[in-house]
Amino acid sequence: MLTTKKKAAVIKGAAIHDTDTGSADVQIALLSKQIDELAKHLKKNPKDVHSRRGLLQMVADRRAHLRYLETSDKRRYNALVKKLGLKK
């Protein structure tokens, strides 16, 4: 679970303009942070099936946002992937 401070820091790092809170860039960054935290939780708690299902839903949602961003603005997509270190 992301705290308000962590969430604000992620939003500030990925925002396109000052009042940006819902662009694809911000949503992908937030989902990536949540996925990282939930993955750590699942390493400690391997039997937590409900959280694993939530993780898979978040990964699918992030993937859909990435696909949208890739088709709409390739330059922003490449910059975001490089900044977040998503693809190898």
Protein backbone atom coordinates (compact mmCIF):
# COMPACT_ATOMS: atom_id res chain seq x y z
CA MET A 1 0.00 0.00 0.00
CA LEU A 2 1.41 3.35 -1.02
CA THR A 3 1.39 6.10 1.54
CA THR A 4 0.31 9.60 0.58
CA LYS A 5 3.88 10.89 0.65
CA LYS A 6 5.20 8.08 -1.55
CA LYS A 7 2.33 8.56 -3.97
CA ALA A 8 2.95 12.31 -4.17
CA ALA A 9 6.63 11.70 -4.88
CA VAL A 10 5.84 9.26 -7.68
CA ILE A 11 3.30 11.66 -9.19
CA LYS A 12 5.78 14.54 -9.02
CA GLY A 13 8.42 12.45 -10.77
CA ALA A 14 6.20 11.33 -13.65
CA ALA A 15 3.88 14.34 -14.12
CA ILE A 16 3.89 16.11 -17.46
CA HIS A 17 2.74 19.44 -16.01
CA ASP A 18 2.10 20.88 -12.54
CA THR A 19 -1.48 19.70 -12.04
CA ASP A 20 -1.08 16.34 -13.78
CA THR A 21 -2.40 13.44 -11.70
CA GLY A 22 -4.12 11.18 -14.22
CA SER A 23 -2.06 10.98 -17.40
CA ALA A 24 -0.92 7.61 -18.66
CA ASP A 25 2.63 8.41 -17.51
CA VAL A 26 1.53 9.00 -13.92
CA GLN A 27 -0.75 5.96 -13.86
CA ILE A 28 2.02 3.71 -15.17
CA ALA A 29 4.48 5.06 -12.59
CA LEU A 30 2.00 4.55 -9.74
CA LEU A 31 1.17 1.03 -10.87
CA SER A 32 4.87 0.20 -11.15
CA LYS A 33 5.50 1.37 -7.59
CA GLN A 34 2.51 -0.61 -6.29
CA ILE A 35 3.64 -3.71 -8.20
CA ASP A 36 7.13 -3.46 -6.68
CA GLU A 37 5.74 -3.19 -3.15
CA LEU A 38 3.28 -6.03 -3.65
CA ALA A 39 5.98 -8.25 -5.13
CA LYS A 40 8.06 -7.74 -1.97
CA HIS A 41 5.02 -8.66 0.13
CA LEU A 42 4.43 -11.83 -1.88
CA LYS A 43 8.04 -12.95 -1.47
CA LYS A 44 7.49 -12.90 2.30
CA ASN A 45 3.96 -14.34 2.09
CA PRO A 46 3.86 -16.90 -0.74
CA LYS A 47 0.45 -18.30 0.24
CA ASP A 48 -1.36 -14.96 -0.12
CA VAL A 49 -3.38 -15.90 -3.20
CA HIS A 50 -5.74 -12.92 -3.07
CA SER A 51 -2.88 -10.43 -3.22
CA ARG A 52 -1.31 -12.40 -6.05
CA ARG A 53 -4.53 -12.01 -8.03
CA GLY A 54 -4.46 -8.27 -7.39
CA LEU A 55 -0.85 -8.16 -8.55
CA LEU A 56 -1.75 -9.86 -11.81
CA GLN A 57 -4.57 -7.37 -12.37
CA MET A 58 -2.19 -4.45 -11.78
CA VAL A 59 0.34 -5.90 -14.21
CA ALA A 60 -2.36 -6.28 -16.87
CA ASP A 61 -3.58 -2.72 -16.24
CA ARG A 62 -0.05 -1.31 -16.51
CA ARG A 63 0.49 -3.27 -19.70
CA ALA A 64 -2.68 -1.81 -21.23
CA HIS A 65 -1.59 1.72 -20.29
CA LEU A 66 1.84 1.09 -21.80
CA ARG A 67 0.28 -0.21 -25.00
CA TYR A 68 -1.89 2.92 -25.22
CA LEU A 69 1.06 5.23 -24.62
CA GLU A 70 3.18 3.39 -27.18
CA THR A 71 0.59 3.84 -29.90
CA SER A 72 -0.28 7.44 -29.06
CA ASP A 73 3.14 8.98 -28.30
CA LYS A 74 6.22 6.86 -28.96
CA ARG A 75 8.66 9.48 -27.60
CA ARG A 76 6.92 9.72 -24.21
CA TYR A 77 6.67 5.91 -24.10
CA ASN A 78 10.41 5.46 -24.67
CA ALA A 79 11.29 8.13 -22.11
CA LEU A 80 9.00 6.61 -19.46
CA VAL A 81 10.23 3.04 -20.02
CA LYS A 82 13.81 4.21 -19.73
CA LYS A 83 13.06 6.28 -16.61
CA LEU A 84 11.21 3.47 -14.83
CA GLY A 85 13.51 0.72 -16.11
CA LEU A 86 10.64 -1.50 -17.24
CA LYS A 87 11.94 -3.27 -20.35
CA LYS A 88 15.33 -4.86 -20.70
